Amino acid sequence: MTRPLPLVAGLLGLVFLALAVVYWLTPAGSLPSFLPGFQPGGEHAHVKHALGSLIVALILFVFGWLQRERERR
């Protein structure tokens, strides 16, 4: 592998996928305070944040896969 771009895109995709799971399963009051959407005492999940993170993760996975295929040729 001569270019690290597919690896970086894949790792960032994993980070955003984990972030989507955290947003989906954790109430707003239990989120870490450094994440956007933290609301003390909030009981709702941030579905829009979760979907946004999931979409970014999928885009990064596709981008990494396309870069890897381009590298093989």
C-alpha atoms as a PDB file:
ATOM      1  CA  MET A   1       0.000   0.000   0.000  1.00  0.00           C
ATOM      2  CA  THR A   2       1.629   3.180  -1.170  1.00  0.00           C
ATOM      3  CA  ARG A   3      -1.062   5.630  -0.075  1.00  0.00           C
ATOM      4  CA  PRO A   4      -2.585   5.784   3.411  1.00  0.00           C
ATOM      5  CA  LEU A   5      -5.797   7.491   2.252  1.00  0.00           C
ATOM      6  CA  PRO A   6      -7.982   4.328   2.166  1.00  0.00           C
ATOM      7  CA  LEU A   7      -6.779   3.349   5.631  1.00  0.00           C
ATOM      8  CA  VAL A   8      -7.441   6.812   7.059  1.00  0.00           C
ATOM      9  CA  ALA A   9     -10.912   6.920   5.467  1.00  0.00           C
ATOM     10  CA  GLY A  10     -11.716   3.478   6.891  1.00  0.00           C
ATOM     11  CA  LEU A  11     -10.559   4.417  10.384  1.00  0.00           C
ATOM     12  CA  LEU A  12     -12.518   7.672  10.318  1.00  0.00           C
ATOM     13  CA  GLY A  13     -15.522   5.685   9.100  1.00  0.00           C
ATOM     14  CA  LEU A  14     -15.223   3.426  12.143  1.00  0.00           C
ATOM     15  CA  VAL A  15     -15.030   6.458  14.437  1.00  0.00           C
ATOM     16  CA  PHE A  16     -18.180   7.973  12.931  1.00  0.00           C
ATOM     17  CA  LEU A  17     -19.947   4.611  13.069  1.00  0.00           C
ATOM     18  CA  ALA A  18     -19.154   4.333  16.782  1.00  0.00           C
ATOM     19  CA  LEU A  19     -20.331   7.914  17.257  1.00  0.00           C
ATOM     20  CA  ALA A  20     -23.624   7.080  15.514  1.00  0.00           C
ATOM     21  CA  VAL A  21     -24.159   4.150  17.892  1.00  0.00           C
ATOM     22  CA  VAL A  22     -23.437   6.367  20.901  1.00  0.00           C
ATOM     23  CA  TYR A  23     -25.901   9.007  19.714  1.00  0.00           C
ATOM     24  CA  TRP A  24     -28.547   6.383  18.957  1.00  0.00           C
ATOM     25  CA  LEU A  25     -28.336   4.486  22.267  1.00  0.00           C
ATOM     26  CA  THR A  26     -27.433   7.180  24.800  1.00  0.00           C
ATOM     27  CA  PRO A  27     -29.877   9.768  26.186  1.00  0.00           C
ATOM     28  CA  ALA A  28     -28.823  13.409  25.777  1.00  0.00           C
ATOM     29  CA  GLY A  29     -28.153  13.792  29.507  1.00  0.00           C
ATOM     30  CA  SER A  30     -25.779  10.819  29.539  1.00  0.00           C
ATOM     31  CA  LEU A  31     -23.676  11.864  26.553  1.00  0.00           C
ATOM     32  CA  PRO A  32     -20.106  12.916  27.266  1.00  0.00           C
ATOM     33  CA  SER A  33     -20.061  16.685  27.698  1.00  0.00           C
ATOM     34  CA  PHE A  34     -17.597  17.214  24.817  1.00  0.00           C
ATOM     35  CA  LEU A  35     -20.082  15.839  22.242  1.00  0.00           C
ATOM     36  CA  PRO A  36     -22.504  18.208  20.531  1.00  0.00           C
ATOM     37  CA  GLY A  37     -26.036  17.634  21.782  1.00  0.00           C
ATOM     38  CA  PHE A  38     -25.196  17.150  25.463  1.00  0.00           C
ATOM     39  CA  GLN A  39     -28.094  18.449  27.556  1.00  0.00           C
ATOM     40  CA  PRO A  40     -27.990  18.009  31.319  1.00  0.00           C
ATOM     41  CA  GLY A  41     -31.034  16.004  32.352  1.00  0.00           C
ATOM     42  CA  GLY A  42     -32.106  15.332  28.760  1.00  0.00           C
ATOM     43  CA  GLU A  43     -33.850  12.000  28.233  1.00  0.00           C
ATOM     44  CA  HIS A  44     -34.228  11.877  24.441  1.00  0.00           C
ATOM     45  CA  ALA A  45     -31.819  10.342  21.935  1.00  0.00           C
ATOM     46  CA  HIS A  46     -30.361  12.508  19.197  1.00  0.00           C
ATOM     47  CA  VAL A  47     -31.665  10.639  16.170  1.00  0.00           C
ATOM     48  CA  LYS A  48     -30.613  13.343  13.689  1.00  0.00           C
ATOM     49  CA  HIS A  49     -27.070  13.371  15.063  1.00  0.00           C
ATOM     50  CA  ALA A  50     -26.988   9.566  14.821  1.00  0.00           C
ATOM     51  CA  LEU A  51     -28.232   9.542  11.226  1.00  0.00           C
ATOM     52  CA  GLY A  52     -25.771  12.274  10.255  1.00  0.00           C
ATOM     53  CA  SER A  53     -22.870  10.348  11.762  1.00  0.00           C
ATOM     54  CA  LEU A  54     -24.030   7.156  10.060  1.00  0.00           C
ATOM     55  CA  ILE A  55     -24.223   8.868   6.662  1.00  0.00           C
ATOM     56  CA  VAL A  56     -20.733  10.340   7.101  1.00  0.00           C
ATOM     57  CA  ALA A  57     -19.428   6.877   8.081  1.00  0.00           C
ATOM     58  CA  LEU A  58     -20.972   5.282   4.985  1.00  0.00           C
ATOM     59  CA  ILE A  59     -19.529   8.003   2.726  1.00  0.00           C
ATOM     60  CA  LEU A  60     -16.079   7.473   4.247  1.00  0.00           C
ATOM     61  CA  PHE A  61     -16.313   3.687   3.793  1.00  0.00           C
ATOM     62  CA  VAL A  62     -17.304   4.073   0.134  1.00  0.00           C
ATOM     63  CA  PHE A  63     -14.573   6.661  -0.434  1.00  0.00           C
ATOM     64  CA  GLY A  64     -11.942   4.394   1.137  1.00  0.00           C
ATOM     65  CA  TRP A  65     -13.130   1.423  -0.890  1.00  0.00           C
ATOM     66  CA  LEU A  66     -13.044   3.406  -4.140  1.00  0.00           C
ATOM     67  CA  GLN A  67      -9.553   4.706  -3.363  1.00  0.00           C
ATOM     68  CA  ARG A  68      -8.379   1.174  -2.626  1.00  0.00           C
ATOM     69  CA  GLU A  69      -9.790  -0.119  -5.923  1.00  0.00           C
ATOM     70  CA  ARG A  70      -8.120   2.759  -7.757  1.00  0.00           C
ATOM     71  CA  GLU A  71      -4.824   1.878  -6.091  1.00  0.00           C
ATOM     72  CA  ARG A  72      -5.046  -1.753  -7.252  1.00  0.00           C
ATOM     73  CA  ARG A  73      -5.124  -0.799 -10.940  1.00  0.00           C
END
